[in-house]
């Protein structure tokens, strides 16, 4: 039988369902580029699960799997690891340590952990009512 581009498989032409403009040949500068486009177009009918990596379906599938593994899985794992080990630029760890130190200090002095008055009311100097 007739082979397609020197390959052992037979070509299945289903161009009756698809309209291809003759003006497409004007988009290519050389006949080789036009033939390369036509070869890609015909081979895309032979491999309906084409991912854009290779014309061989097995190589195309494995290249897609490798690209997605490194492009997504590795990036997510290494990206989150990188973000986890970034320095504490908002000083949240310091604020927690300081709060724990203050709590221990207040408990050692016998004071409540939280006081309703932020400042000691006996130390606040208020203006006299006559001065208003």
C-alpha atoms as a PDB file:
ATOM      1  CA  UNK A   1       0.000   0.000   0.000  1.00  0.00           C
ATOM      2  CA  UNK A   2       0.847   3.638  -0.038  1.00  0.00           C
ATOM      3  CA  UNK A   3       2.959   4.896   2.837  1.00  0.00           C
ATOM      4  CA  UNK A   4       2.996   8.376   4.236  1.00  0.00           C
ATOM      5  CA  UNK A   5       6.356  10.182   4.227  1.00  0.00           C
ATOM      6  CA  UNK A   6       8.373   6.956   4.239  1.00  0.00           C
ATOM      7  CA  UNK A   7       6.664   5.567   7.332  1.00  0.00           C
ATOM      8  CA  UNK A   8       5.330   2.039   7.467  1.00  0.00           C
ATOM      9  CA  UNK A   9       1.797   3.008   8.393  1.00  0.00           C
ATOM     10  CA  UNK A  10      -0.858   3.820   5.867  1.00  0.00           C
ATOM     11  CA  UNK A  11      -2.183   7.325   5.575  1.00  0.00           C
ATOM     12  CA  UNK A  12      -5.781   8.025   6.383  1.00  0.00           C
ATOM     13  CA  UNK A  13      -6.889  11.171   4.614  1.00  0.00           C
ATOM     14  CA  UNK A  14      -9.976  12.797   6.100  1.00  0.00           C
ATOM     15  CA  UNK A  15      -9.680  16.156   4.402  1.00  0.00           C
ATOM     16  CA  UNK A  16     -13.258  15.997   3.188  1.00  0.00           C
ATOM     17  CA  UNK A  17     -14.413  17.133   6.638  1.00  0.00           C
ATOM     18  CA  UNK A  18     -11.917  19.997   6.907  1.00  0.00           C
ATOM     19  CA  UNK A  19     -11.554  22.968   4.613  1.00  0.00           C
ATOM     20  CA  UNK A  20      -7.966  24.058   4.014  1.00  0.00           C
ATOM     21  CA  UNK A  21      -7.418  27.306   2.178  1.00  0.00           C
ATOM     22  CA  UNK A  22      -5.053  27.397  -0.776  1.00  0.00           C
ATOM     23  CA  UNK A  23      -3.957  30.821   0.464  1.00  0.00           C
ATOM     24  CA  UNK A  24      -2.009  29.109   3.264  1.00  0.00           C
ATOM     25  CA  UNK A  25       0.820  28.455   0.829  1.00  0.00           C
ATOM     26  CA  UNK A  26       1.373  32.222   0.638  1.00  0.00           C
ATOM     27  CA  UNK A  27       2.228  32.290   4.347  1.00  0.00           C
ATOM     28  CA  UNK A  28       5.361  30.191   3.856  1.00  0.00           C
ATOM     29  CA  UNK A  29       8.517  31.515   2.227  1.00  0.00           C
ATOM     30  CA  UNK A  30       9.773  28.182   0.951  1.00  0.00           C
ATOM     31  CA  UNK A  31       8.116  25.068  -0.386  1.00  0.00           C
ATOM     32  CA  UNK A  32       9.905  23.018   2.286  1.00  0.00           C
ATOM     33  CA  UNK A  33       8.207  25.016   5.051  1.00  0.00           C
ATOM     34  CA  UNK A  34       4.840  24.499   3.359  1.00  0.00           C
ATOM     35  CA  UNK A  35       5.454  20.749   3.052  1.00  0.00           C
ATOM     36  CA  UNK A  36       6.570  20.631   6.704  1.00  0.00           C
ATOM     37  CA  UNK A  37       3.291  22.287   7.699  1.00  0.00           C
ATOM     38  CA  UNK A  38       1.301  19.822   5.589  1.00  0.00           C
ATOM     39  CA  UNK A  39       3.214  16.911   7.141  1.00  0.00           C
ATOM     40  CA  UNK A  40       2.390  18.214  10.620  1.00  0.00           C
ATOM     41  CA  UNK A  41      -1.257  18.657   9.621  1.00  0.00           C
ATOM     42  CA  UNK A  42      -1.546  15.090   8.303  1.00  0.00           C
ATOM     43  CA  UNK A  43       0.346  13.574  11.255  1.00  0.00           C
ATOM     44  CA  UNK A  44      -1.956  15.360  13.691  1.00  0.00           C
ATOM     45  CA  UNK A  45      -4.819  13.272  12.294  1.00  0.00           C
ATOM     46  CA  UNK A  46      -2.861  10.076  12.946  1.00  0.00           C
ATOM     47  CA  UNK A  47      -2.215  10.941  16.613  1.00  0.00           C
ATOM     48  CA  UNK A  48      -5.405  12.451  18.073  1.00  0.00           C
ATOM     49  CA  UNK A  49      -3.724  12.790  21.501  1.00  0.00           C
ATOM     50  CA  UNK A  50      -0.945  14.990  20.100  1.00  0.00           C
ATOM     51  CA  UNK A  51       0.661  17.183  22.806  1.00  0.00           C
ATOM     52  CA  UNK A  52       3.044  19.139  20.588  1.00  0.00           C
ATOM     53  CA  UNK A  53       6.370  17.564  21.556  1.00  0.00           C
ATOM     54  CA  UNK A  54       7.041  14.880  18.920  1.00  0.00           C
ATOM     55  CA  UNK A  55       5.258  13.175  16.025  1.00  0.00           C
ATOM     56  CA  UNK A  56       5.882   9.736  17.527  1.00  0.00           C
ATOM     57  CA  UNK A  57       2.949   9.097  19.923  1.00  0.00           C
ATOM     58  CA  UNK A  58       5.079   7.287  22.538  1.00  0.00           C
ATOM     59  CA  UNK A  59       7.811   9.946  22.591  1.00  0.00           C
ATOM     60  CA  UNK A  60       5.159  12.677  22.580  1.00  0.00           C
ATOM     61  CA  UNK A  61       3.391  11.125  25.587  1.00  0.00           C
ATOM     62  CA  UNK A  62       6.606  10.710  27.600  1.00  0.00           C
ATOM     63  CA  UNK A  63       7.848  14.203  26.754  1.00  0.00           C
ATOM     64  CA  UNK A  64       4.493  15.579  27.935  1.00  0.00           C
ATOM     65  CA  UNK A  65       4.726  13.601  31.185  1.00  0.00           C
ATOM     66  CA  UNK A  66       8.303  14.743  31.839  1.00  0.00           C
ATOM     67  CA  UNK A  67       7.450  18.368  31.058  1.00  0.00           C
ATOM     68  CA  UNK A  68       4.461  18.368  33.388  1.00  0.00           C
ATOM     69  CA  UNK A  69       6.372  16.538  36.122  1.00  0.00           C
ATOM     70  CA  UNK A  70       9.222  19.046  36.144  1.00  0.00           C
ATOM     71  CA  UNK A  71       7.058  22.024  35.254  1.00  0.00           C
ATOM     72  CA  UNK A  72       4.437  21.495  37.919  1.00  0.00           C
ATOM     73  CA  UNK A  73       5.402  18.932  40.554  1.00  0.00           C
ATOM     74  CA  UNK A  74       9.021  19.934  41.058  1.00  0.00           C
ATOM     75  CA  UNK A  75       8.200  23.645  40.899  1.00  0.00           C
ATOM     76  CA  UNK A  76       5.471  23.275  43.526  1.00  0.00           C
ATOM     77  CA  UNK A  77       7.675  21.233  45.879  1.00  0.00           C
ATOM     78  CA  UNK A  78      10.807  23.362  45.500  1.00  0.00           C
ATOM     79  CA  UNK A  79       8.789  26.590  45.434  1.00  0.00           C
ATOM     80  CA  UNK A  80       7.006  25.871  48.697  1.00  0.00           C
ATOM     81  CA  UNK A  81      10.265  24.722  50.304  1.00  0.00           C
ATOM     82  CA  UNK A  82      11.897  27.990  49.243  1.00  0.00           C
ATOM     83  CA  UNK A  83       9.004  30.039  50.629  1.00  0.00           C
ATOM     84  CA  UNK A  84       9.084  28.092  53.894  1.00  0.00           C
ATOM     85  CA  UNK A  85      12.763  28.830  54.508  1.00  0.00           C
ATOM     86  CA  UNK A  86      12.631  32.537  53.657  1.00  0.00           C
ATOM     87  CA  UNK A  87      13.758  34.799  56.518  1.00  0.00           C
ATOM     88  CA  UNK A  88      11.104  36.137  58.897  1.00  0.00           C
ATOM     89  CA  UNK A  89      10.888  39.631  57.438  1.00  0.00           C
ATOM     90  CA  UNK A  90       7.682  40.565  59.324  1.00  0.00           C
ATOM     91  CA  UNK A  91       9.322  39.545  62.634  1.00  0.00           C
ATOM     92  CA  UNK A  92       6.420  37.290  63.620  1.00  0.00           C
ATOM     93  CA  UNK A  93       8.741  34.825  65.350  1.00  0.00           C
ATOM     94  CA  UNK A  94      10.334  37.642  67.374  1.00  0.00           C
ATOM     95  CA  UNK A  95       6.900  38.988  68.372  1.00  0.00           C
ATOM     96  CA  UNK A  96       5.831  35.565  69.643  1.00  0.00           C
ATOM     97  CA  UNK A  97       9.053  35.097  71.638  1.00  0.00           C
ATOM     98  CA  UNK A  98       8.698  38.587  73.113  1.00  0.00           C
ATOM     99  CA  UNK A  99       5.063  37.915  74.106  1.00  0.00           C
ATOM    100  CA  UNK A 100       6.055  34.640  75.795  1.00  0.00           C
ATOM    101  CA  UNK A 101       8.841  36.459  77.661  1.00  0.00           C
ATOM    102  CA  UNK A 102       6.421  39.171  78.843  1.00  0.00           C
ATOM    103  CA  UNK A 103       3.895  36.545  80.036  1.00  0.00           C
ATOM    104  CA  UNK A 104       6.562  34.729  82.077  1.00  0.00           C
ATOM    105  CA  UNK A 105       7.733  38.040  83.538  1.00  0.00           C
ATOM    106  CA  UNK A 106       4.166  39.076  84.568  1.00  0.00           C
ATOM    107  CA  UNK A 107       3.419  35.623  86.033  1.00  0.00           C
ATOM    108  CA  UNK A 108       6.649  35.758  88.072  1.00  0.00           C
ATOM    109  CA  UNK A 109       5.596  39.150  89.495  1.00  0.00           C
ATOM    110  CA  UNK A 110       2.100  37.838  90.295  1.00  0.00           C
ATOM    111  CA  UNK A 111       0.395  40.226  87.878  1.00  0.00           C
ATOM    112  CA  UNK A 112      -2.435  39.191  85.543  1.00  0.00           C
ATOM    113  CA  UNK A 113      -1.402  38.329  82.000  1.00  0.00           C
ATOM    114  CA  UNK A 114      -3.734  40.970  80.559  1.00  0.00           C
ATOM    115  CA  UNK A 115      -4.729  44.122  82.379  1.00  0.00           C
ATOM    116  CA  UNK A 116      -7.786  46.193  81.495  1.00  0.00           C
ATOM    117  CA  UNK A 117      -5.642  49.346  81.760  1.00  0.00           C
ATOM    118  CA  UNK A 118      -2.795  49.594  79.300  1.00  0.00           C
ATOM    119  CA  UNK A 119      -1.086  52.254  81.461  1.00  0.00           C
ATOM    120  CA  UNK A 120      -1.057  52.408  85.261  1.00  0.00           C
ATOM    121  CA  UNK A 121      -3.887  54.843  86.156  1.00  0.00           C
ATOM    122  CA  UNK A 122      -1.967  56.222  89.166  1.00  0.00           C
ATOM    123  CA  UNK A 123       0.819  57.466  86.868  1.00  0.00           C
ATOM    124  CA  UNK A 124      -1.448  59.321  84.426  1.00  0.00           C
ATOM    125  CA  UNK A 125      -1.529  63.086  85.049  1.00  0.00           C
ATOM    126  CA  UNK A 126      -4.867  64.583  84.077  1.00  0.00           C
ATOM    127  CA  UNK A 127      -5.508  68.329  83.748  1.00  0.00           C
ATOM    128  CA  UNK A 128      -7.569  69.936  86.475  1.00  0.00           C
ATOM    129  CA  UNK A 129     -11.172  70.786  85.735  1.00  0.00           C
ATOM    130  CA  UNK A 130     -10.498  74.469  86.480  1.00  0.00           C
ATOM    131  CA  UNK A 131      -7.959  74.752  83.661  1.00  0.00           C
ATOM    132  CA  UNK A 132     -10.494  73.933  80.975  1.00  0.00           C
END
